[in-house]
Amino acid sequence: MKRTKKLQKVCELGLEAIPPFNFKYTVYKPSHFPTKLEDFDEQTGRFYRTFRLSQRKLIGLRMSDLGEVEKKPGIFVEVYSNTPLSEGEIDNLGNHVSRSFGLKEDVEAFYRRIPKTDPLQSPIANLRGMRNNSFENRQKQFSLNISYPFVKFYNDYFITSFCPFRVI
């Protein structure tokens, strides 16, 4: 059984992010268990992701920092497929990548709420622009009992724990 498929380049997408944005720390999480669906090339700074749109439509994404291509914060996506994609599929794909990596999330408020004297100021500054992400559909993520408490904890913790007051 042949497990390798040849993919042809379909298009390129420039997906802008609300600043601040850190491409590497948004797409690459070395603490996660590696899968054969994704890979981050440390030397080139490119992130590769594969998935299926349908039983027969295979997709490959080669992503890089939009700042290196267009001097804007975001993700530059090269889309590859084994079959042609419709304009609707390409639009949905761009929207999915944008949502998955939180490109439209305004994280600046988080940084403004951290006191300048906070001992975590330095490590937080090193990761500035990193987004909490999941390439999987976030609606599916929230429907899973095991994932939702973690995501809720993560969001609640990072939005409230580094501040001098609690938001309830």
N, C-alpha and C. Protein backbone atom coordinates (compact mmCIF):
# COMPACT_ATOMS: atom_id res chain seq x y z
N MET A 1 0.84 -1.19 0.00
CA MET A 1 0.00 0.00 0.00
C MET A 1 0.88 1.24 0.00
N LYS A 2 0.72 2.08 -1.00
CA LYS A 2 1.49 3.30 -1.11
C LYS A 2 0.95 4.35 -0.14
N ARG A 3 1.83 4.90 0.70
CA ARG A 3 1.39 5.87 1.72
C ARG A 3 1.86 7.28 1.39
N THR A 4 2.55 7.46 0.29
CA THR A 4 3.05 8.77 -0.09
C THR A 4 2.24 9.30 -1.26
N LYS A 5 1.84 10.57 -1.19
CA LYS A 5 1.09 11.20 -2.27
C LYS A 5 1.84 12.45 -2.71
N LYS A 6 1.81 12.71 -3.99
CA LYS A 6 2.43 13.92 -4.54
C LYS A 6 1.42 15.05 -4.46
N LEU A 7 1.84 16.17 -3.87
CA LEU A 7 0.98 17.34 -3.75
C LEU A 7 1.52 18.46 -4.62
N GLN A 8 0.61 19.18 -5.26
CA GLN A 8 0.99 20.31 -6.11
C GLN A 8 0.63 21.62 -5.40
N LYS A 9 1.43 22.63 -5.63
CA LYS A 9 1.15 23.94 -5.03
C LYS A 9 -0.12 24.52 -5.65
N VAL A 10 -1.04 24.92 -4.77
CA VAL A 10 -2.34 25.46 -5.21
C VAL A 10 -2.34 26.98 -5.13
N CYS A 11 -1.86 27.52 -4.02
CA CYS A 11 -1.91 28.97 -3.83
C CYS A 11 -1.04 29.38 -2.65
N GLU A 12 -0.98 30.68 -2.45
CA GLU A 12 -0.30 31.26 -1.29
C GLU A 12 -1.28 32.19 -0.59
N LEU A 13 -1.21 32.21 0.73
CA LEU A 13 -2.08 33.08 1.53
C LEU A 13 -1.22 33.89 2.49
N GLY A 14 -1.49 35.17 2.58
CA GLY A 14 -0.85 36.03 3.57
C GLY A 14 -1.87 36.35 4.64
N LEU A 15 -1.78 35.70 5.78
CA LEU A 15 -2.77 35.87 6.86
C LEU A 15 -2.19 36.79 7.94
N GLU A 16 -2.72 37.99 8.02
CA GLU A 16 -2.21 38.97 8.98
C GLU A 16 -2.73 38.69 10.38
N ALA A 17 -1.89 39.03 11.37
CA ALA A 17 -2.23 38.86 12.78
C ALA A 17 -2.29 40.23 13.45
N ILE A 18 -3.07 40.31 14.52
CA ILE A 18 -3.07 41.52 15.34
C ILE A 18 -1.79 41.49 16.16
N PRO A 19 -0.97 42.55 16.09
CA PRO A 19 0.28 42.55 16.86
C PRO A 19 0.03 42.65 18.36
N PRO A 20 0.94 42.19 19.18
CA PRO A 20 2.20 41.57 18.83
C PRO A 20 1.98 40.12 18.39
N PHE A 21 2.86 39.63 17.55
CA PHE A 21 2.75 38.26 17.05
C PHE A 21 4.14 37.65 16.95
N ASN A 22 4.27 36.42 17.47
CA ASN A 22 5.51 35.68 17.40
C ASN A 22 5.23 34.38 16.65
N PHE A 23 5.69 34.32 15.40
CA PHE A 23 5.40 33.15 14.56
C PHE A 23 5.91 31.85 15.18
N LYS A 24 7.19 31.83 15.53
CA LYS A 24 7.79 30.57 16.01
C LYS A 24 7.07 30.03 17.23
N TYR A 25 6.84 30.86 18.24
CA TYR A 25 6.25 30.36 19.46
C TYR A 25 4.74 30.15 19.36
N THR A 26 4.14 30.64 18.29
CA THR A 26 2.72 30.36 18.07
C THR A 26 2.53 29.00 17.41
N VAL A 27 3.35 28.69 16.40
CA VAL A 27 3.16 27.43 15.68
C VAL A 27 3.95 26.27 16.27
N TYR A 28 5.02 26.57 16.97
CA TYR A 28 5.92 25.51 17.44
C TYR A 28 5.86 25.40 18.96
N LYS A 29 5.40 24.27 19.42
CA LYS A 29 5.33 23.99 20.86
C LYS A 29 6.16 22.74 21.13
N PRO A 30 7.45 22.90 21.46
CA PRO A 30 8.30 21.73 21.64
C PRO A 30 7.90 20.83 22.80
N SER A 31 7.06 21.33 23.69
CA SER A 31 6.64 20.48 24.81
C SER A 31 5.56 19.49 24.39
N HIS A 32 4.94 19.73 23.24
CA HIS A 32 3.91 18.80 22.76
C HIS A 32 4.56 17.57 22.17
N PHE A 33 3.86 16.45 22.24
CA PHE A 33 4.37 15.24 21.62
C PHE A 33 4.36 15.42 20.11
N PRO A 34 5.47 15.11 19.44
CA PRO A 34 5.49 15.27 17.99
C PRO A 34 4.57 14.26 17.30
N THR A 35 3.99 14.69 16.20
CA THR A 35 3.16 13.79 15.40
C THR A 35 3.70 13.77 13.99
N LYS A 36 3.24 12.85 13.20
CA LYS A 36 3.65 12.81 11.81
C LYS A 36 2.84 13.77 10.95
N LEU A 37 1.91 14.49 11.57
CA LEU A 37 1.07 15.45 10.85
C LEU A 37 1.71 16.82 10.77
N GLU A 38 2.70 17.09 11.62
CA GLU A 38 3.30 18.42 11.63
C GLU A 38 4.78 18.33 11.96
N ASP A 39 5.51 19.36 11.51
CA ASP A 39 6.93 19.41 11.77
C ASP A 39 7.38 20.86 11.70
N PHE A 40 8.26 21.24 12.61
CA PHE A 40 8.86 22.58 12.57
C PHE A 40 10.32 22.42 12.24
N ASP A 41 10.76 23.06 11.15
CA ASP A 41 12.17 23.01 10.74
C ASP A 41 12.89 24.18 11.40
N GLU A 42 13.68 23.87 12.39
CA GLU A 42 14.37 24.89 13.18
C GLU A 42 15.32 25.73 12.32
N GLN A 43 15.95 25.12 11.32
CA GLN A 43 16.92 25.84 10.50
C GLN A 43 16.26 26.86 9.57
N THR A 44 15.14 26.49 8.96
CA THR A 44 14.49 27.41 8.02
C THR A 44 13.40 28.25 8.69
N GLY A 45 12.96 27.83 9.88
CA GLY A 45 11.87 28.54 10.55
C GLY A 45 10.52 28.28 9.91
N ARG A 46 10.40 27.19 9.19
CA ARG A 46 9.13 26.84 8.54
C ARG A 46 8.41 25.76 9.32
N PHE A 47 7.09 25.86 9.28
CA PHE A 47 6.23 24.89 9.95
C PHE A 47 5.42 24.18 8.88
N TYR A 48 5.40 22.85 8.94
CA TYR A 48 4.69 22.03 7.96
C TYR A 48 3.54 21.32 8.65
N ARG A 49 2.39 21.28 7.97
CA ARG A 49 1.20 20.62 8.55
C ARG A 49 0.46 19.92 7.42
N THR A 50 0.05 18.68 7.67
CA THR A 50 -0.76 17.94 6.69
C THR A 50 -2.08 17.54 7.32
N PHE A 51 -3.11 17.42 6.48
CA PHE A 51 -4.41 16.95 6.94
C PHE A 51 -5.27 16.63 5.73
N ARG A 52 -6.45 16.12 5.99
CA ARG A 52 -7.40 15.78 4.92
C ARG A 52 -8.58 16.73 4.96
N LEU A 53 -8.95 17.25 3.79
CA LEU A 53 -10.19 18.00 3.68
C LEU A 53 -11.36 17.03 3.52
N SER A 54 -11.10 15.93 2.87
CA SER A 54 -12.10 14.86 2.69
C SER A 54 -11.32 13.56 2.51
N GLN A 55 -12.05 12.48 2.28
CA GLN A 55 -11.40 11.18 2.13
C GLN A 55 -10.33 11.21 1.03
N ARG A 56 -10.58 11.95 -0.02
CA ARG A 56 -9.66 11.96 -1.16
C ARG A 56 -8.83 13.23 -1.31
N LYS A 57 -9.17 14.29 -0.58
CA LYS A 57 -8.44 15.56 -0.69
C LYS A 57 -7.43 15.70 0.43
N LEU A 58 -6.16 15.63 0.05
CA LEU A 58 -5.07 15.78 1.00
C LEU A 58 -4.50 17.19 0.89
N ILE A 59 -4.17 17.76 2.03
CA ILE A 59 -3.66 19.12 2.07
C ILE A 59 -2.32 19.13 2.78
N GLY A 60 -1.41 19.91 2.25
CA GLY A 60 -0.12 20.17 2.89
C GLY A 60 0.05 21.67 2.99
N LEU A 61 0.45 22.14 4.16
CA LEU A 61 0.68 23.57 4.36
C LEU A 61 2.15 23.77 4.73
N ARG A 62 2.77 24.72 4.08
CA ARG A 62 4.12 25.15 4.46
C ARG A 62 3.97 26.58 4.93
N MET A 63 4.22 26.80 6.21
CA MET A 63 3.98 28.11 6.80
C MET A 63 5.28 28.75 7.26
N SER A 64 5.33 30.06 7.08
CA SER A 64 6.49 30.82 7.53
C SER A 64 6.01 32.17 8.05
N ASP A 65 6.93 32.92 8.60
CA ASP A 65 6.61 34.22 9.19
C ASP A 65 6.28 35.22 8.09
N LEU A 66 5.06 35.77 8.12
CA LEU A 66 4.65 36.76 7.13
C LEU A 66 5.54 38.00 7.21
N GLY A 67 6.09 38.27 8.38
CA GLY A 67 6.99 39.40 8.57
C GLY A 67 8.22 39.32 7.69
N GLU A 68 8.66 38.12 7.36
CA GLU A 68 9.82 37.96 6.50
C GLU A 68 9.48 38.16 5.03
N VAL A 69 8.19 38.00 4.67
CA VAL A 69 7.76 38.11 3.29
C VAL A 69 7.18 39.50 3.00
N GLU A 70 6.29 39.97 3.85
CA GLU A 70 5.57 41.23 3.62
C GLU A 70 5.79 42.27 4.72
N LYS A 71 6.68 42.00 5.66
CA LYS A 71 6.95 42.92 6.77
C LYS A 71 5.69 43.25 7.57
N LYS A 72 4.81 42.25 7.73
CA LYS A 72 3.60 42.39 8.53
C LYS A 72 3.54 41.20 9.49
N PRO A 73 2.93 41.39 10.67
CA PRO A 73 2.79 40.24 11.57
C PRO A 73 1.77 39.25 11.01
N GLY A 74 2.08 37.98 11.08
CA GLY A 74 1.14 36.97 10.61
C GLY A 74 1.84 35.74 10.06
N ILE A 75 1.07 34.97 9.31
CA ILE A 75 1.57 33.71 8.76
C ILE A 75 1.44 33.71 7.24
N PHE A 76 2.54 33.37 6.57
CA PHE A 76 2.55 33.19 5.12
C PHE A 76 2.35 31.69 4.88
N VAL A 77 1.28 31.33 4.17
CA VAL A 77 0.92 29.92 3.97
C VAL A 77 1.02 29.55 2.50
N GLU A 78 1.76 28.50 2.22
CA GLU A 78 1.78 27.91 0.88
C GLU A 78 0.92 26.66 0.97
N VAL A 79 -0.11 26.59 0.13
CA VAL A 79 -1.09 25.50 0.18
C VAL A 79 -0.78 24.51 -0.94
N TYR A 80 -0.69 23.24 -0.57
CA TYR A 80 -0.45 22.15 -1.52
C TYR A 80 -1.60 21.16 -1.40
N SER A 81 -1.96 20.54 -2.52
CA SER A 81 -3.04 19.54 -2.50
C SER A 81 -2.83 18.53 -3.62
N ASN A 82 -3.45 17.38 -3.45
CA ASN A 82 -3.39 16.36 -4.50
C ASN A 82 -4.50 16.55 -5.53
N THR A 83 -5.45 17.45 -5.26
CA THR A 83 -6.53 17.76 -6.21
C THR A 83 -6.76 19.27 -6.19
N PRO A 84 -7.37 19.82 -7.23
CA PRO A 84 -7.67 21.25 -7.23
C PRO A 84 -8.62 21.62 -6.07
N LEU A 85 -8.49 22.85 -5.59
CA LEU A 85 -9.36 23.34 -4.51
C LEU A 85 -10.22 24.47 -5.05
N SER A 86 -11.45 24.52 -4.60
CA SER A 86 -12.35 25.60 -4.99
C SER A 86 -11.98 26.86 -4.22
N GLU A 87 -12.47 28.01 -4.69
CA GLU A 87 -12.24 29.28 -3.98
C GLU A 87 -12.81 29.20 -2.56
N GLY A 88 -13.97 28.56 -2.42
CA GLY A 88 -14.59 28.39 -1.10
C GLY A 88 -13.73 27.56 -0.17
N GLU A 89 -13.13 26.49 -0.69
CA GLU A 89 -12.25 25.66 0.13
C GLU A 89 -11.00 26.43 0.55
N ILE A 90 -10.47 27.23 -0.36
CA ILE A 90 -9.29 28.03 -0.04
C ILE A 90 -9.63 29.08 1.02
N ASP A 91 -10.78 29.74 0.88
CA ASP A 91 -11.22 30.72 1.88
C ASP A 91 -11.41 30.05 3.24
N ASN A 92 -12.07 28.89 3.26
CA ASN A 92 -12.28 28.17 4.52
C ASN A 92 -10.96 27.75 5.14
N LEU A 93 -10.02 27.34 4.32
CA LEU A 93 -8.71 26.94 4.80
C LEU A 93 -7.99 28.12 5.44
N GLY A 94 -8.02 29.28 4.79
CA GLY A 94 -7.40 30.48 5.35
C GLY A 94 -8.05 30.87 6.67
N ASN A 95 -9.39 30.80 6.73
CA ASN A 95 -10.11 31.12 7.98
C ASN A 95 -9.75 30.13 9.08
N HIS A 96 -9.62 28.86 8.72
CA HIS A 96 -9.28 27.83 9.71
C HIS A 96 -7.88 28.08 10.29
N VAL A 97 -6.92 28.36 9.44
CA VAL A 97 -5.55 28.63 9.92
C VAL A 97 -5.55 29.87 10.80
N SER A 98 -6.27 30.90 10.38
CA SER A 98 -6.33 32.14 11.16
C SER A 98 -6.93 31.90 12.55
N ARG A 99 -8.03 31.15 12.60
CA ARG A 99 -8.66 30.83 13.90
C ARG A 99 -7.78 29.91 14.73
N SER A 100 -7.21 28.90 14.08
CA SER A 100 -6.41 27.91 14.81
C SER A 100 -5.22 28.52 15.52
N PHE A 101 -4.60 29.50 14.90
CA PHE A 101 -3.43 30.12 15.48
C PHE A 101 -3.74 31.46 16.14
N GLY A 102 -5.02 31.78 16.30
CA GLY A 102 -5.43 32.97 17.03
C GLY A 102 -4.95 34.29 16.44
N LEU A 103 -4.92 34.38 15.12
CA LEU A 103 -4.37 35.58 14.48
C LEU A 103 -5.20 36.83 14.74
N LYS A 104 -6.47 36.67 15.02
CA LYS A 104 -7.34 37.83 15.27
C LYS A 104 -7.54 38.11 16.75
N GLU A 105 -6.81 37.40 17.60
CA GLU A 105 -6.90 37.64 19.04
C GLU A 105 -6.01 38.82 19.42
N ASP A 106 -6.55 39.74 20.17
CA ASP A 106 -5.78 40.89 20.62
C ASP A 106 -5.17 40.54 21.98
N VAL A 107 -3.90 40.19 21.98
CA VAL A 107 -3.23 39.76 23.22
C VAL A 107 -2.53 40.92 23.92
N GLU A 108 -2.57 42.10 23.33
CA GLU A 108 -1.89 43.25 23.92
C GLU A 108 -2.42 43.57 25.32
N ALA A 109 -3.72 43.39 25.54
CA ALA A 109 -4.31 43.68 26.85
C ALA A 109 -3.66 42.82 27.94
N PHE A 110 -3.31 41.60 27.62
CA PHE A 110 -2.63 40.73 28.57
C PHE A 110 -1.31 41.37 29.01
N TYR A 111 -0.52 41.84 28.07
CA TYR A 111 0.78 42.42 28.39
C TYR A 111 0.64 43.73 29.17
N ARG A 112 -0.36 44.52 28.87
CA ARG A 112 -0.57 45.78 29.59
C ARG A 112 -0.93 45.55 31.05
N ARG A 113 -1.52 44.39 31.37
CA ARG A 113 -1.97 44.13 32.73
C ARG A 113 -0.88 43.59 33.64
N ILE A 114 0.28 43.28 33.11
CA ILE A 114 1.37 42.74 33.92
C ILE A 114 2.15 43.90 34.50
N PRO A 115 2.24 43.99 35.83
CA PRO A 115 3.01 45.08 36.44
C PRO A 115 4.47 45.03 36.01
N LYS A 116 5.07 46.19 35.84
CA LYS A 116 6.48 46.27 35.42
C LYS A 116 7.41 45.63 36.44
N THR A 117 6.96 45.51 37.68
CA THR A 117 7.79 44.93 38.73
C THR A 117 7.58 43.43 38.89
N ASP A 118 6.68 42.84 38.13
CA ASP A 118 6.38 41.41 38.24
C ASP A 118 7.63 40.60 37.90
N PRO A 119 8.00 39.62 38.74
CA PRO A 119 9.19 38.81 38.46
C PRO A 119 9.07 37.98 37.18
N LEU A 120 7.86 37.80 36.67
CA LEU A 120 7.68 37.03 35.44
C LEU A 120 7.78 37.91 34.19
N GLN A 121 8.05 39.19 34.38
CA GLN A 121 8.13 40.13 33.25
C GLN A 121 9.14 39.68 32.19
N SER A 122 10.31 39.23 32.62
CA SER A 122 11.34 38.82 31.66
C SER A 122 10.94 37.59 30.84
N PRO A 123 10.50 36.48 31.47
CA PRO A 123 10.11 35.33 30.64
C PRO A 123 8.91 35.63 29.75
N ILE A 124 7.99 36.44 30.24
CA ILE A 124 6.83 36.79 29.42
C ILE A 124 7.27 37.63 28.23
N ALA A 125 8.21 38.54 28.44
CA ALA A 125 8.73 39.36 27.34
C ALA A 125 9.41 38.49 26.28
N ASN A 126 10.11 37.43 26.73
CA ASN A 126 10.77 36.53 25.78
C ASN A 126 9.79 35.80 24.88
N LEU A 127 8.59 35.57 25.35
CA LEU A 127 7.57 34.85 24.58
C LEU A 127 6.51 35.79 24.01
N ARG A 128 6.77 37.07 24.03
CA ARG A 128 5.80 38.08 23.60
C ARG A 128 5.26 37.76 22.20
N GLY A 129 3.95 37.78 22.07
CA GLY A 129 3.30 37.52 20.80
C GLY A 129 2.90 36.07 20.58
N MET A 130 3.26 35.19 21.51
CA MET A 130 2.87 33.78 21.40
C MET A 130 1.37 33.66 21.63
N ARG A 131 0.73 32.78 20.88
CA ARG A 131 -0.71 32.55 21.01
C ARG A 131 -0.96 31.12 21.46
N ASN A 132 -2.02 30.93 22.23
CA ASN A 132 -2.50 29.59 22.57
C ASN A 132 -3.18 29.08 21.31
N ASN A 133 -2.77 27.92 20.82
CA ASN A 133 -3.36 27.48 19.56
C ASN A 133 -3.69 26.01 19.57
N SER A 134 -4.54 25.66 18.63
CA SER A 134 -4.88 24.27 18.37
C SER A 134 -5.29 24.20 16.92
N PHE A 135 -4.55 23.42 16.13
CA PHE A 135 -4.89 23.34 14.71
C PHE A 135 -6.21 22.60 14.52
N GLU A 136 -6.56 21.78 15.50
CA GLU A 136 -7.83 21.09 15.42
C GLU A 136 -8.95 22.11 15.59
N ASN A 137 -10.12 21.78 15.12
CA ASN A 137 -11.26 22.69 15.20
C ASN A 137 -11.54 23.04 16.66
N ARG A 138 -11.58 24.32 16.99
CA ARG A 138 -11.80 24.72 18.37
C ARG A 138 -13.19 24.34 18.86
N GLN A 139 -14.16 24.27 17.97
CA GLN A 139 -15.50 23.83 18.41
C GLN A 139 -15.43 22.39 18.87
N LYS A 140 -14.70 21.56 18.15
CA LYS A 140 -14.53 20.17 18.58
C LYS A 140 -13.79 20.13 19.90
N GLN A 141 -12.78 20.99 20.04
CA GLN A 141 -12.00 21.02 21.27
C GLN A 141 -12.90 21.34 22.46
N PHE A 142 -13.80 22.29 22.31
CA PHE A 142 -14.66 22.67 23.41
C PHE A 142 -15.75 21.64 23.68
N SER A 143 -16.03 20.76 22.72
CA SER A 143 -17.06 19.75 22.96
C SER A 143 -16.49 18.53 23.68
N LEU A 144 -15.17 18.44 23.79
CA LEU A 144 -14.56 17.31 24.49
C LEU A 144 -14.42 17.65 25.97
N ASN A 145 -14.95 16.81 26.82
CA ASN A 145 -14.89 17.07 28.26
C ASN A 145 -13.47 17.17 28.77
N ILE A 146 -12.55 16.40 28.21
CA ILE A 146 -11.19 16.40 28.72
C ILE A 146 -10.43 17.66 28.30
N SER A 147 -10.74 18.21 27.13
CA SER A 147 -10.00 19.37 26.65
C SER A 147 -10.52 20.68 27.22
N TYR A 148 -11.82 20.81 27.33
CA TYR A 148 -12.38 22.10 27.73
C TYR A 148 -11.89 22.58 29.09
N PRO A 149 -11.86 21.73 30.12
CA PRO A 149 -11.37 22.24 31.41
C PRO A 149 -9.94 22.77 31.32
N PHE A 150 -9.10 22.10 30.53
CA PHE A 150 -7.73 22.58 30.38
C PHE A 150 -7.70 23.93 29.70
N VAL A 151 -8.44 24.07 28.60
CA VAL A 151 -8.45 25.34 27.87
C VAL A 151 -9.01 26.43 28.75
N LYS A 152 -10.08 26.14 29.49
CA LYS A 152 -10.67 27.13 30.38
C LYS A 152 -9.66 27.51 31.46
N PHE A 153 -8.98 26.51 32.05
CA PHE A 153 -7.97 26.79 33.06
C PHE A 153 -6.86 27.66 32.48
N TYR A 154 -6.37 27.28 31.31
CA TYR A 154 -5.29 28.01 30.67
C TYR A 154 -5.68 29.46 30.45
N ASN A 155 -6.84 29.69 29.87
CA ASN A 155 -7.29 31.06 29.61
C ASN A 155 -7.51 31.82 30.90
N ASP A 156 -8.19 31.21 31.87
CA ASP A 156 -8.44 31.90 33.14
C ASP A 156 -7.14 32.20 33.86
N TYR A 157 -6.22 31.24 33.88
CA TYR A 157 -4.97 31.40 34.60
C TYR A 157 -4.14 32.53 33.99
N PHE A 158 -3.97 32.50 32.67
CA PHE A 158 -3.11 33.49 32.06
C PHE A 158 -3.75 34.87 32.01
N ILE A 159 -5.05 34.94 31.99
CA ILE A 159 -5.69 36.25 31.97
C ILE A 159 -5.72 36.85 33.37
N THR A 160 -5.78 36.00 34.42
CA THR A 160 -5.94 36.55 35.77
C THR A 160 -4.74 36.39 36.69
N SER A 161 -3.93 35.37 36.52
CA SER A 161 -2.90 35.07 37.52
C SER A 161 -1.75 36.05 37.58
N PHE A 162 -1.44 36.70 36.49
CA PHE A 162 -0.30 37.60 36.49
C PHE A 162 -0.71 39.05 36.73
N CYS A 163 -1.92 39.24 37.22
CA CYS A 163 -2.44 40.57 37.44
C CYS A 163 -2.60 40.81 38.93
N PRO A 164 -2.57 42.08 39.37
CA PRO A 164 -2.72 42.35 40.79
C PRO A 164 -4.14 42.15 41.29
N PHE A 165 -5.06 41.86 40.42
CA PHE A 165 -6.44 41.64 40.82
C PHE A 165 -7.01 40.50 40.00
N ARG A 166 -8.09 39.93 40.45
CA ARG A 166 -8.73 38.81 39.76
C ARG A 166 -9.92 39.30 38.95
N VAL A 167 -10.09 38.73 37.79
CA VAL A 167 -11.26 39.01 36.98
C VAL A 167 -12.17 37.81 37.07
N ILE A 168 -13.39 38.01 37.46
CA ILE A 168 -14.33 36.89 37.61
C ILE A 168 -15.47 37.04 36.65
